[in-house]
Amino acid sequence: MHMIDWNTYRGQVTAGVGGLARLSPDTVKGYGQLGQANARTGSLGAKMHELIALAVAISLRCDGCIATHTAEAKKAGATKQEIAEALGVAVSVNAGAAIVYSARALDALDALNES
């Protein structure tokens, strides 16, 4: 059993974005142009692009992005092992950010103790 029905959810996200596009077409058009601009360079290739997007989706905690970019990574030829490795990078970077922000919290505490 899956945590959620990702295939249904991906369709729901698409429908929701379609609703937003009807209400605010320039917003959704601009979003689409951002994705197209990055894809045009071709330096990374579709698979690498989607693996990065998936790692960022994890970092941002965006289920819609996870559903979409997992499907696109698979379509671009990414293996389960490659996806797991990209997710591992996301875990590592997020842990690193927590370490940095922990140091900032201690710095804030030190500033309080100095006042």
PDB file of N, CA and C in Angstrom:
ATOM      1  N   MET A   1       0.850  -1.179   0.000  1.00  0.00           N
ATOM      2  CA  MET A   1       0.000   0.000   0.000  1.00  0.00           C
ATOM      3  C   MET A   1       0.895   1.243   0.000  1.00  0.00           C
ATOM      4  N   HIS A   2       0.516   2.234  -0.796  1.00  0.00           N
ATOM      5  CA  HIS A   2       1.269   3.481  -0.880  1.00  0.00           C
ATOM      6  C   HIS A   2       0.731   4.490   0.126  1.00  0.00           C
ATOM      7  N   MET A   3       1.576   5.451   0.485  1.00  0.00           N
ATOM      8  CA  MET A   3       1.166   6.496   1.423  1.00  0.00           C
ATOM      9  C   MET A   3      -0.027   7.285   0.891  1.00  0.00           C
ATOM     10  N   ILE A   4       0.043   7.623  -0.387  1.00  0.00           N
ATOM     11  CA  ILE A   4      -1.076   8.275  -1.069  1.00  0.00           C
ATOM     12  C   ILE A   4      -1.140   7.701  -2.484  1.00  0.00           C
ATOM     13  N   ASP A   5      -2.237   7.949  -3.148  1.00  0.00           N
ATOM     14  CA  ASP A   5      -2.374   7.513  -4.539  1.00  0.00           C
ATOM     15  C   ASP A   5      -1.727   8.592  -5.413  1.00  0.00           C
ATOM     16  N   TRP A   6      -0.441   8.407  -5.665  1.00  0.00           N
ATOM     17  CA  TRP A   6       0.356   9.428  -6.366  1.00  0.00           C
ATOM     18  C   TRP A   6      -0.149   9.688  -7.771  1.00  0.00           C
ATOM     19  N   ASN A   7      -0.610   8.672  -8.452  1.00  0.00           N
ATOM     20  CA  ASN A   7      -1.092   8.857  -9.817  1.00  0.00           C
ATOM     21  C   ASN A   7      -2.352   9.720  -9.845  1.00  0.00           C
ATOM     22  N   THR A   8      -3.263   9.455  -8.943  1.00  0.00           N
ATOM     23  CA  THR A   8      -4.468  10.285  -8.833  1.00  0.00           C
ATOM     24  C   THR A   8      -4.096  11.694  -8.398  1.00  0.00           C
ATOM     25  N   TYR A   9      -3.212  11.779  -7.414  1.00  0.00           N
ATOM     26  CA  TYR A   9      -2.806  13.090  -6.895  1.00  0.00           C
ATOM     27  C   TYR A   9      -2.159  13.942  -7.985  1.00  0.00           C
ATOM     28  N   ARG A  10      -1.309  13.326  -8.804  1.00  0.00           N
ATOM     29  CA  ARG A  10      -0.656  14.065  -9.888  1.00  0.00           C
ATOM     30  C   ARG A  10      -1.711  14.657 -10.823  1.00  0.00           C
ATOM     31  N   GLY A  11      -2.748  13.908 -11.113  1.00  0.00           N
ATOM     32  CA  GLY A  11      -3.848  14.420 -11.929  1.00  0.00           C
ATOM     33  C   GLY A  11      -4.601  15.555 -11.246  1.00  0.00           C
ATOM     34  N   GLN A  12      -4.780  15.422  -9.933  1.00  0.00           N
ATOM     35  CA  GLN A  12      -5.451  16.476  -9.180  1.00  0.00           C
ATOM     36  C   GLN A  12      -4.627  17.768  -9.181  1.00  0.00           C
ATOM     37  N   VAL A  13      -3.313  17.631  -9.055  1.00  0.00           N
ATOM     38  CA  VAL A  13      -2.439  18.812  -9.102  1.00  0.00           C
ATOM     39  C   VAL A  13      -2.550  19.476 -10.469  1.00  0.00           C
ATOM     40  N   THR A  14      -2.514  18.674 -11.511  1.00  0.00           N
ATOM     41  CA  THR A  14      -2.632  19.213 -12.865  1.00  0.00           C
ATOM     42  C   THR A  14      -3.956  19.957 -13.034  1.00  0.00           C
ATOM     43  N   ALA A  15      -5.028  19.369 -12.537  1.00  0.00           N
ATOM     44  CA  ALA A  15      -6.337  20.021 -12.625  1.00  0.00           C
ATOM     45  C   ALA A  15      -6.357  21.313 -11.811  1.00  0.00           C
ATOM     46  N   GLY A  16      -5.759  21.276 -10.631  1.00  0.00           N
ATOM     47  CA  GLY A  16      -5.706  22.470  -9.792  1.00  0.00           C
ATOM     48  C   GLY A  16      -4.925  23.604 -10.443  1.00  0.00           C
ATOM     49  N   VAL A  17      -3.805  23.256 -11.060  1.00  0.00           N
ATOM     50  CA  VAL A  17      -3.003  24.262 -11.761  1.00  0.00           C
ATOM     51  C   VAL A  17      -3.791  24.799 -12.959  1.00  0.00           C
ATOM     52  N   GLY A  18      -4.550  23.921 -13.607  1.00  0.00           N
ATOM     53  CA  GLY A  18      -5.417  24.366 -14.702  1.00  0.00           C
ATOM     54  C   GLY A  18      -6.442  25.384 -14.229  1.00  0.00           C
ATOM     55  N   GLY A  19      -6.997  25.159 -13.050  1.00  0.00           N
ATOM     56  CA  GLY A  19      -7.936  26.120 -12.463  1.00  0.00           C
ATOM     57  C   GLY A  19      -7.276  27.451 -12.174  1.00  0.00           C
ATOM     58  N   LEU A  20      -6.060  27.388 -11.640  1.00  0.00           N
ATOM     59  CA  LEU A  20      -5.308  28.619 -11.392  1.00  0.00           C
ATOM     60  C   LEU A  20      -5.010  29.331 -12.705  1.00  0.00           C
ATOM     61  N   ALA A  21      -4.674  28.568 -13.735  1.00  0.00           N
ATOM     62  CA  ALA A  21      -4.360  29.156 -15.044  1.00  0.00           C
ATOM     63  C   ALA A  21      -5.558  29.903 -15.624  1.00  0.00           C
ATOM     64  N   ARG A  22      -6.764  29.396 -15.370  1.00  0.00           N
ATOM     65  CA  ARG A  22      -7.951  30.100 -15.863  1.00  0.00           C
ATOM     66  C   ARG A  22      -8.156  31.422 -15.119  1.00  0.00           C
ATOM     67  N   LEU A  23      -7.803  31.451 -13.853  1.00  0.00           N
ATOM     68  CA  LEU A  23      -7.982  32.663 -13.047  1.00  0.00           C
ATOM     69  C   LEU A  23      -6.822  33.639 -13.178  1.00  0.00           C
ATOM     70  N   SER A  24      -5.617  33.105 -13.345  1.00  0.00           N
ATOM     71  CA  SER A  24      -4.415  33.932 -13.409  1.00  0.00           C
ATOM     72  C   SER A  24      -3.472  33.386 -14.474  1.00  0.00           C
ATOM     73  N   PRO A  25      -3.849  33.539 -15.733  1.00  0.00           N
ATOM     74  CA  PRO A  25      -3.088  32.902 -16.809  1.00  0.00           C
ATOM     75  C   PRO A  25      -1.639  33.365 -16.899  1.00  0.00           C
ATOM     76  N   ASP A  26      -1.384  34.626 -16.637  1.00  0.00           N
ATOM     77  CA  ASP A  26      -0.007  35.118 -16.747  1.00  0.00           C
ATOM     78  C   ASP A  26       0.910  34.498 -15.693  1.00  0.00           C
ATOM     79  N   THR A  27       0.359  34.227 -14.518  1.00  0.00           N
ATOM     80  CA  THR A  27       1.163  33.595 -13.459  1.00  0.00           C
ATOM     81  C   THR A  27       1.612  32.212 -13.892  1.00  0.00           C
ATOM     82  N   VAL A  28       0.676  31.416 -14.362  1.00  0.00           N
ATOM     83  CA  VAL A  28       0.997  30.047 -14.761  1.00  0.00           C
ATOM     84  C   VAL A  28       1.857  30.046 -16.027  1.00  0.00           C
ATOM     85  N   LYS A  29       1.593  30.962 -16.930  1.00  0.00           N
ATOM     86  CA  LYS A  29       2.419  31.080 -18.133  1.00  0.00           C
ATOM     87  C   LYS A  29       3.864  31.421 -17.749  1.00  0.00           C
ATOM     88  N   GLY A  30       4.031  32.341 -16.816  1.00  0.00           N
ATOM     89  CA  GLY A  30       5.374  32.711 -16.357  1.00  0.00           C
ATOM     90  C   GLY A  30       6.091  31.542 -15.708  1.00  0.00           C
ATOM     91  N   TYR A  31       5.353  30.779 -14.916  1.00  0.00           N
ATOM     92  CA  TYR A  31       5.927  29.585 -14.293  1.00  0.00           C
ATOM     93  C   TYR A  31       6.400  28.606 -15.365  1.00  0.00           C
ATOM     94  N   GLY A  32       5.565  28.393 -16.365  1.00  0.00           N
ATOM     95  CA  GLY A  32       5.928  27.489 -17.458  1.00  0.00           C
ATOM     96  C   GLY A  32       7.161  27.970 -18.206  1.00  0.00           C
ATOM     97  N   GLN A  33       7.269  29.270 -18.396  1.00  0.00           N
ATOM     98  CA  GLN A  33       8.431  29.825 -19.093  1.00  0.00           C
ATOM     99  C   GLN A  33       9.718  29.607 -18.309  1.00  0.00           C
ATOM    100  N   LEU A  34       9.639  29.645 -16.985  1.00  0.00           N
ATOM    101  CA  LEU A  34      10.831  29.360 -16.168  1.00  0.00           C
ATOM    102  C   LEU A  34      11.341  27.948 -16.438  1.00  0.00           C
ATOM    103  N   GLY A  35      10.441  26.992 -16.431  1.00  0.00           N
ATOM    104  CA  GLY A  35      10.834  25.605 -16.696  1.00  0.00           C
ATOM    105  C   GLY A  35      11.379  25.416 -18.089  1.00  0.00           C
ATOM    106  N   GLN A  36      10.769  26.060 -19.055  1.00  0.00           N
ATOM    107  CA  GLN A  36      11.227  25.940 -20.442  1.00  0.00           C
ATOM    108  C   GLN A  36      12.590  26.590 -20.634  1.00  0.00           C
ATOM    109  N   ALA A  37      12.828  27.702 -19.963  1.00  0.00           N
ATOM    110  CA  ALA A  37      14.117  28.388 -20.095  1.00  0.00           C
ATOM    111  C   ALA A  37      15.259  27.493 -19.630  1.00  0.00           C
ATOM    112  N   ASN A  38      15.067  26.785 -18.549  1.00  0.00           N
ATOM    113  CA  ASN A  38      16.113  25.901 -18.041  1.00  0.00           C
ATOM    114  C   ASN A  38      16.304  24.687 -18.933  1.00  0.00           C
ATOM    115  N   ALA A  39      15.227  24.179 -19.495  1.00  0.00           N
ATOM    116  CA  ALA A  39      15.316  22.990 -20.346  1.00  0.00           C
ATOM    117  C   ALA A  39      16.011  23.289 -21.670  1.00  0.00           C
ATOM    118  N   ARG A  40      15.963  24.537 -22.101  1.00  0.00           N
ATOM    119  CA  ARG A  40      16.533  24.897 -23.409  1.00  0.00           C
ATOM    120  C   ARG A  40      18.044  24.763 -23.466  1.00  0.00           C
ATOM    121  N   THR A  41      18.724  24.957 -22.358  1.00  0.00           N
ATOM    122  CA  THR A  41      20.185  24.911 -22.403  1.00  0.00           C
ATOM    123  C   THR A  41      20.680  23.527 -22.760  1.00  0.00           C
ATOM    124  N   GLY A  42      20.032  22.504 -22.231  1.00  0.00           N
ATOM    125  CA  GLY A  42      20.397  21.135 -22.566  1.00  0.00           C
ATOM    126  C   GLY A  42      21.715  20.671 -21.979  1.00  0.00           C
ATOM    127  N   SER A  43      22.362  21.479 -21.174  1.00  0.00           N
ATOM    128  CA  SER A  43      23.661  21.103 -20.624  1.00  0.00           C
ATOM    129  C   SER A  43      23.570  19.925 -19.665  1.00  0.00           C
ATOM    130  N   LEU A  44      22.509  19.876 -18.881  1.00  0.00           N
ATOM    131  CA  LEU A  44      22.382  18.814 -17.879  1.00  0.00           C
ATOM    132  C   LEU A  44      21.667  17.580 -18.415  1.00  0.00           C
ATOM    133  N   GLY A  45      20.820  17.755 -19.364  1.00  0.00           N
ATOM    134  CA  GLY A  45      20.020  16.647 -19.857  1.00  0.00           C
ATOM    135  C   GLY A  45      18.774  16.474 -19.009  1.00  0.00           C
ATOM    136  N   ALA A  46      17.767  15.876 -19.593  1.00  0.00           N
ATOM    137  CA  ALA A  46      16.462  15.747 -18.940  1.00  0.00           C
ATOM    138  C   ALA A  46      16.537  14.953 -17.639  1.00  0.00           C
ATOM    139  N   LYS A  47      17.282  13.860 -17.627  1.00  0.00           N
ATOM    140  CA  LYS A  47      17.340  13.028 -16.424  1.00  0.00           C
ATOM    141  C   LYS A  47      17.963  13.786 -15.257  1.00  0.00           C
ATOM    142  N   MET A  48      19.088  14.433 -15.484  1.00  0.00           N
ATOM    143  CA  MET A  48      19.748  15.180 -14.414  1.00  0.00           C
ATOM    144  C   MET A  48      18.868  16.338 -13.946  1.00  0.00           C
ATOM    145  N   HIS A  49      18.232  17.001 -14.887  1.00  0.00           N
ATOM    146  CA  HIS A  49      17.321  18.096 -14.564  1.00  0.00           C
ATOM    147  C   HIS A  49      16.227  17.610 -13.612  1.00  0.00           C
ATOM    148  N   GLU A  50      15.636  16.460 -13.927  1.00  0.00           N
ATOM    149  CA  GLU A  50      14.546  15.937 -13.098  1.00  0.00           C
ATOM    150  C   GLU A  50      15.045  15.419 -11.750  1.00  0.00           C
ATOM    151  N   LEU A  51      16.248  14.859 -11.704  1.00  0.00           N
ATOM    152  CA  LEU A  51      16.804  14.416 -10.420  1.00  0.00           C
ATOM    153  C   LEU A  51      17.053  15.614  -9.499  1.00  0.00           C
ATOM    154  N   ILE A  52      17.561  16.698 -10.068  1.00  0.00           N
ATOM    155  CA  ILE A  52      17.762  17.913  -9.264  1.00  0.00           C
ATOM    156  C   ILE A  52      16.410  18.452  -8.809  1.00  0.00           C
ATOM    157  N   ALA A  53      15.453  18.511  -9.726  1.00  0.00           N
ATOM    158  CA  ALA A  53      14.123  19.010  -9.382  1.00  0.00           C
ATOM    159  C   ALA A  53      13.494  18.168  -8.276  1.00  0.00           C
ATOM    160  N   LEU A  54      13.698  16.872  -8.323  1.00  0.00           N
ATOM    161  CA  LEU A  54      13.147  15.994  -7.294  1.00  0.00           C
ATOM    162  C   LEU A  54      13.809  16.237  -5.944  1.00  0.00           C
ATOM    163  N   ALA A  55      15.124  16.415  -5.939  1.00  0.00           N
ATOM    164  CA  ALA A  55      15.821  16.714  -4.679  1.00  0.00           C
ATOM    165  C   ALA A  55      15.341  18.042  -4.096  1.00  0.00           C
ATOM    166  N   VAL A  56      15.134  19.022  -4.953  1.00  0.00           N
ATOM    167  CA  VAL A  56      14.616  20.312  -4.486  1.00  0.00           C
ATOM    168  C   VAL A  56      13.188  20.148  -3.976  1.00  0.00           C
ATOM    169  N   ALA A  57      12.390  19.341  -4.658  1.00  0.00           N
ATOM    170  CA  ALA A  57      11.015  19.096  -4.219  1.00  0.00           C
ATOM    171  C   ALA A  57      10.978  18.525  -2.812  1.00  0.00           C
ATOM    172  N   ILE A  58      11.909  17.624  -2.518  1.00  0.00           N
ATOM    173  CA  ILE A  58      12.003  17.056  -1.173  1.00  0.00           C
ATOM    174  C   ILE A  58      12.348  18.153  -0.170  1.00  0.00           C
ATOM    175  N   SER A  59      13.304  18.989  -0.544  1.00  0.00           N
ATOM    176  CA  SER A  59      13.741  20.062   0.350  1.00  0.00           C
ATOM    177  C   SER A  59      12.622  21.060   0.623  1.00  0.00           C
ATOM    178  N   LEU A  60      11.791  21.308  -0.390  1.00  0.00           N
ATOM    179  CA  LEU A  60      10.686  22.252  -0.238  1.00  0.00           C
ATOM    180  C   LEU A  60       9.428  21.606   0.339  1.00  0.00           C
ATOM    181  N   ARG A  61       9.451  20.285   0.435  1.00  0.00           N
ATOM    182  CA  ARG A  61       8.314  19.520   0.950  1.00  0.00           C
ATOM    183  C   ARG A  61       7.052  19.758   0.116  1.00  0.00           C
ATOM    184  N   CYS A  62       7.207  19.663  -1.199  1.00  0.00           N
ATOM    185  CA  CYS A  62       6.106  19.906  -2.138  1.00  0.00           C
ATOM    186  C   CYS A  62       5.648  18.581  -2.741  1.00  0.00           C
ATOM    187  N   ASP A  63       4.514  18.065  -2.248  1.00  0.00           N
ATOM    188  CA  ASP A  63       4.002  16.792  -2.758  1.00  0.00           C
ATOM    189  C   ASP A  63       3.684  16.844  -4.243  1.00  0.00           C
ATOM    190  N   GLY A  64       3.153  17.954  -4.710  1.00  0.00           N
ATOM    191  CA  GLY A  64       2.858  18.077  -6.131  1.00  0.00           C
ATOM    192  C   GLY A  64       4.122  17.990  -6.973  1.00  0.00           C
ATOM    193  N   CYS A  65       5.189  18.648  -6.493  1.00  0.00           N
ATOM    194  CA  CYS A  65       6.478  18.592  -7.193  1.00  0.00           C
ATOM    195  C   CYS A  65       7.056  17.178  -7.139  1.00  0.00           C
ATOM    196  N   ILE A  66       6.905  16.520  -5.994  1.00  0.00           N
ATOM    197  CA  ILE A  66       7.393  15.149  -5.854  1.00  0.00           C
ATOM    198  C   ILE A  66       6.682  14.243  -6.861  1.00  0.00           C
ATOM    199  N   ALA A  67       5.361  14.342  -6.924  1.00  0.00           N
ATOM    200  CA  ALA A  67       4.585  13.505  -7.847  1.00  0.00           C
ATOM    201  C   ALA A  67       4.990  13.769  -9.293  1.00  0.00           C
ATOM    202  N   THR A  68       5.105  15.027  -9.644  1.00  0.00           N
ATOM    203  CA  THR A  68       5.422  15.393 -11.028  1.00  0.00           C
ATOM    204  C   THR A  68       6.849  15.015 -11.400  1.00  0.00           C
ATOM    205  N   HIS A  69       7.818  15.391 -10.570  1.00  0.00           N
ATOM    206  CA  HIS A  69       9.213  15.180 -10.946  1.00  0.00           C
ATOM    207  C   HIS A  69       9.658  13.725 -10.790  1.00  0.00           C
ATOM    208  N   THR A  70       8.991  12.958  -9.940  1.00  0.00           N
ATOM    209  CA  THR A  70       9.264  11.525  -9.898  1.00  0.00           C
ATOM    210  C   THR A  70       8.847  10.887 -11.227  1.00  0.00           C
ATOM    211  N   ALA A  71       7.657  11.237 -11.692  1.00  0.00           N
ATOM    212  CA  ALA A  71       7.180  10.697 -12.971  1.00  0.00           C
ATOM    213  C   ALA A  71       8.080  11.145 -14.122  1.00  0.00           C
ATOM    214  N   GLU A  72       8.487  12.404 -14.107  1.00  0.00           N
ATOM    215  CA  GLU A  72       9.336  12.915 -15.185  1.00  0.00           C
ATOM    216  C   GLU A  72      10.736  12.306 -15.131  1.00  0.00           C
ATOM    217  N   ALA A  73      11.260  12.083 -13.925  1.00  0.00           N
ATOM    218  CA  ALA A  73      12.579  11.447 -13.801  1.00  0.00           C
ATOM    219  C   ALA A  73      12.526  10.025 -14.359  1.00  0.00           C
ATOM    220  N   LYS A  74      11.466   9.297 -14.019  1.00  0.00           N
ATOM    221  CA  LYS A  74      11.310   7.935 -14.544  1.00  0.00           C
ATOM    222  C   LYS A  74      11.205   7.970 -16.063  1.00  0.00           C
ATOM    223  N   LYS A  75      10.402   8.909 -16.584  1.00  0.00           N
ATOM    224  CA  LYS A  75      10.236   9.036 -18.029  1.00  0.00           C
ATOM    225  C   LYS A  75      11.570   9.381 -18.715  1.00  0.00           C
ATOM    226  N   ALA A  76      12.425  10.126 -18.022  1.00  0.00           N
ATOM    227  CA  ALA A  76      13.725  10.508 -18.582  1.00  0.00           C
ATOM    228  C   ALA A  76      14.768   9.405 -18.436  1.00  0.00           C
ATOM    229  N   GLY A  77      14.373   8.277 -17.820  1.00  0.00           N
ATOM    230  CA  GLY A  77      15.270   7.135 -17.732  1.00  0.00           C
ATOM    231  C   GLY A  77      15.974   6.955 -16.405  1.00  0.00           C
ATOM    232  N   ALA A  78      15.611   7.730 -15.406  1.00  0.00           N
ATOM    233  CA  ALA A  78      16.251   7.584 -14.094  1.00  0.00           C
ATOM    234  C   ALA A  78      15.848   6.254 -13.460  1.00  0.00           C
ATOM    235  N   THR A  79      16.824   5.574 -12.883  1.00  0.00           N
ATOM    236  CA  THR A  79      16.552   4.321 -12.185  1.00  0.00           C
ATOM    237  C   THR A  79      16.149   4.619 -10.737  1.00  0.00           C
ATOM    238  N   LYS A  80      15.610   3.621 -10.086  1.00  0.00           N
ATOM    239  CA  LYS A  80      15.245   3.780  -8.677  1.00  0.00           C
ATOM    240  C   LYS A  80      16.488   4.110  -7.853  1.00  0.00           C
ATOM    241  N   GLN A  81      17.620   3.485  -8.183  1.00  0.00           N
ATOM    242  CA  GLN A  81      18.864   3.753  -7.460  1.00  0.00           C
ATOM    243  C   GLN A  81      19.327   5.195  -7.665  1.00  0.00           C
ATOM    244  N   GLU A  82      19.222   5.702  -8.886  1.00  0.00           N
ATOM    245  CA  GLU A  82      19.601   7.096  -9.158  1.00  0.00           C
ATOM    246  C   GLU A  82      18.693   8.067  -8.407  1.00  0.00           C
ATOM    247  N   ILE A  83      17.406   7.755  -8.386  1.00  0.00           N
ATOM    248  CA  ILE A  83      16.470   8.602  -7.647  1.00  0.00           C
ATOM    249  C   ILE A  83      16.797   8.557  -6.166  1.00  0.00           C
ATOM    250  N   ALA A  84      17.081   7.371  -5.624  1.00  0.00           N
ATOM    251  CA  ALA A  84      17.441   7.249  -4.212  1.00  0.00           C
ATOM    252  C   ALA A  84      18.704   8.044  -3.895  1.00  0.00           C
ATOM    253  N   GLU A  85      19.668   8.032  -4.803  1.00  0.00           N
ATOM    254  CA  GLU A  85      20.902   8.794  -4.582  1.00  0.00           C
ATOM    255  C   GLU A  85      20.620  10.297  -4.570  1.00  0.00           C
ATOM    256  N   ALA A  86      19.791  10.766  -5.486  1.00  0.00           N
ATOM    257  CA  ALA A  86      19.415  12.183  -5.503  1.00  0.00           C
ATOM    258  C   ALA A  86      18.684  12.561  -4.219  1.00  0.00           C
ATOM    259  N   LEU A  87      17.823  11.673  -3.743  1.00  0.00           N
ATOM    260  CA  LEU A  87      17.116  11.928  -2.485  1.00  0.00           C
ATOM    261  C   LEU A  87      18.083  11.950  -1.315  1.00  0.00           C
ATOM    262  N   GLY A  88      19.097  11.103  -1.368  1.00  0.00           N
ATOM    263  CA  GLY A  88      20.127  11.111  -0.334  1.00  0.00           C
ATOM    264  C   GLY A  88      20.875  12.434  -0.295  1.00  0.00           C
ATOM    265  N   VAL A  89      21.115  13.008  -1.453  1.00  0.00           N
ATOM    266  CA  VAL A  89      21.751  14.329  -1.503  1.00  0.00           C
ATOM    267  C   VAL A  89      20.843  15.358  -0.840  1.00  0.00           C
ATOM    268  N   ALA A  90      19.538  15.291  -1.120  1.00  0.00           N
ATOM    269  CA  ALA A  90      18.597  16.218  -0.494  1.00  0.00           C
ATOM    270  C   ALA A  90      18.610  16.071   1.021  1.00  0.00           C
ATOM    271  N   VAL A  91      18.627  14.837   1.504  1.00  0.00           N
ATOM    272  CA  VAL A  91      18.677  14.594   2.949  1.00  0.00           C
ATOM    273  C   VAL A  91      19.937  15.215   3.533  1.00  0.00           C
ATOM    274  N   SER A  92      21.060  14.995   2.870  1.00  0.00           N
ATOM    275  CA  SER A  92      22.336  15.513   3.352  1.00  0.00           C
ATOM    276  C   SER A  92      22.355  17.038   3.387  1.00  0.00           C
ATOM    277  N   VAL A  93      21.897  17.665   2.314  1.00  0.00           N
ATOM    278  CA  VAL A  93      21.895  19.130   2.260  1.00  0.00           C
ATOM    279  C   VAL A  93      20.954  19.701   3.316  1.00  0.00           C
ATOM    280  N   ASN A  94      19.792  19.067   3.482  1.00  0.00           N
ATOM    281  CA  ASN A  94      18.861  19.546   4.509  1.00  0.00           C
ATOM    282  C   ASN A  94      19.433  19.370   5.906  1.00  0.00           C
ATOM    283  N   ALA A  95      20.148  18.285   6.136  1.00  0.00           N
ATOM    284  CA  ALA A  95      20.803  18.096   7.433  1.00  0.00           C
ATOM    285  C   ALA A  95      21.882  19.168   7.627  1.00  0.00           C
ATOM    286  N   GLY A  96      22.612  19.472   6.555  1.00  0.00           N
ATOM    287  CA  GLY A  96      23.623  20.524   6.625  1.00  0.00           C
ATOM    288  C   GLY A  96      23.004  21.867   6.959  1.00  0.00           C
ATOM    289  N   ALA A  97      21.864  22.164   6.348  1.00  0.00           N
ATOM    290  CA  ALA A  97      21.175  23.418   6.645  1.00  0.00           C
ATOM    291  C   ALA A  97      20.744  23.459   8.109  1.00  0.00           C
ATOM    292  N   ALA A  98      20.292  22.327   8.640  1.00  0.00           N
ATOM    293  CA  ALA A  98      19.901  22.276  10.051  1.00  0.00           C
ATOM    294  C   ALA A  98      21.104  22.537  10.961  1.00  0.00           C
ATOM    295  N   ILE A  99      22.261  22.026  10.572  1.00  0.00           N
ATOM    296  CA  ILE A  99      23.478  22.279  11.344  1.00  0.00           C
ATOM    297  C   ILE A  99      23.812  23.770  11.333  1.00  0.00           C
ATOM    298  N   VAL A 100      23.769  24.384  10.140  1.00  0.00           N
ATOM    299  CA  VAL A 100      24.076  25.814  10.023  1.00  0.00           C
ATOM    300  C   VAL A 100      23.086  26.635  10.852  1.00  0.00           C
ATOM    301  N   TYR A 101      21.802  26.312  10.750  1.00  0.00           N
ATOM    302  CA  TYR A 101      20.813  27.068  11.512  1.00  0.00           C
ATOM    303  C   TYR A 101      20.905  26.794  13.005  1.00  0.00           C
ATOM    304  N   SER A 102      21.380  25.627  13.387  1.00  0.00           N
ATOM    305  CA  SER A 102      21.644  25.357  14.799  1.00  0.00           C
ATOM    306  C   SER A 102      22.745  26.274  15.314  1.00  0.00           C
ATOM    307  N   ALA A 103      23.784  26.449  14.508  1.00  0.00           N
ATOM    308  CA  ALA A 103      24.859  27.371  14.891  1.00  0.00           C
ATOM    309  C   ALA A 103      24.325  28.796  14.996  1.00  0.00           C
ATOM    310  N   ARG A 104      23.416  29.173  14.108  1.00  0.00           N
ATOM    311  CA  ARG A 104      22.815  30.513  14.162  1.00  0.00           C
ATOM    312  C   ARG A 104      21.978  30.675  15.432  1.00  0.00           C
ATOM    313  N   ALA A 105      21.252  29.628  15.833  1.00  0.00           N
ATOM    314  CA  ALA A 105      20.452  29.698  17.052  1.00  0.00           C
ATOM    315  C   ALA A 105      21.350  29.878  18.270  1.00  0.00           C
ATOM    316  N   LEU A 106      22.468  29.165  18.288  1.00  0.00           N
ATOM    317  CA  LEU A 106      23.407  29.339  19.396  1.00  0.00           C
ATOM    318  C   LEU A 106      24.023  30.740  19.395  1.00  0.00           C
ATOM    319  N   ASP A 107      24.279  31.285  18.203  1.00  0.00           N
ATOM    320  CA  ASP A 107      24.781  32.650  18.080  1.00  0.00           C
ATOM    321  C   ASP A 107      23.760  33.642  18.608  1.00  0.00           C
ATOM    322  N   ALA A 108      22.465  33.417  18.309  1.00  0.00           N
ATOM    323  CA  ALA A 108      21.399  34.275  18.830  1.00  0.00           C
ATOM    324  C   ALA A 108      21.353  34.210  20.348  1.00  0.00           C
ATOM    325  N   LEU A 109      21.542  33.007  20.897  1.00  0.00           N
ATOM    326  CA  LEU A 109      21.577  32.844  22.350  1.00  0.00           C
ATOM    327  C   LEU A 109      22.762  33.596  22.939  1.00  0.00           C
ATOM    328  N   ASP A 110      23.928  33.486  22.319  1.00  0.00           N
ATOM    329  CA  ASP A 110      25.106  34.211  22.804  1.00  0.00           C
ATOM    330  C   ASP A 110      24.873  35.710  22.787  1.00  0.00           C
ATOM    331  N   ALA A 111      24.197  36.205  21.744  1.00  0.00           N
ATOM    332  CA  ALA A 111      23.889  37.638  21.677  1.00  0.00           C
ATOM    333  C   ALA A 111      22.984  38.054  22.811  1.00  0.00           C
ATOM    334  N   LEU A 112      22.004  37.203  23.152  1.00  0.00           N
ATOM    335  CA  LEU A 112      21.120  37.506  24.284  1.00  0.00           C
ATOM    336  C   LEU A 112      21.913  37.549  25.596  1.00  0.00           C
ATOM    337  N   ASN A 113      22.842  36.623  25.742  1.00  0.00           N
ATOM    338  CA  ASN A 113      23.623  36.577  26.981  1.00  0.00           C
ATOM    339  C   ASN A 113      24.574  37.744  27.123  1.00  0.00           C
ATOM    340  N   GLU A 114      24.936  38.386  25.999  1.00  0.00           N
ATOM    341  CA  GLU A 114      25.829  39.541  26.037  1.00  0.00           C
ATOM    342  C   GLU A 114      25.089  40.829  26.340  1.00  0.00           C
ATOM    343  N   SER A 115      23.773  40.827  26.226  1.00  0.00           N
ATOM    344  CA  SER A 115      23.031  42.082  26.432  1.00  0.00           C
ATOM    345  C   SER A 115      22.562  42.237  27.852  1.00  0.00           C
TER     346      SER A 115
END
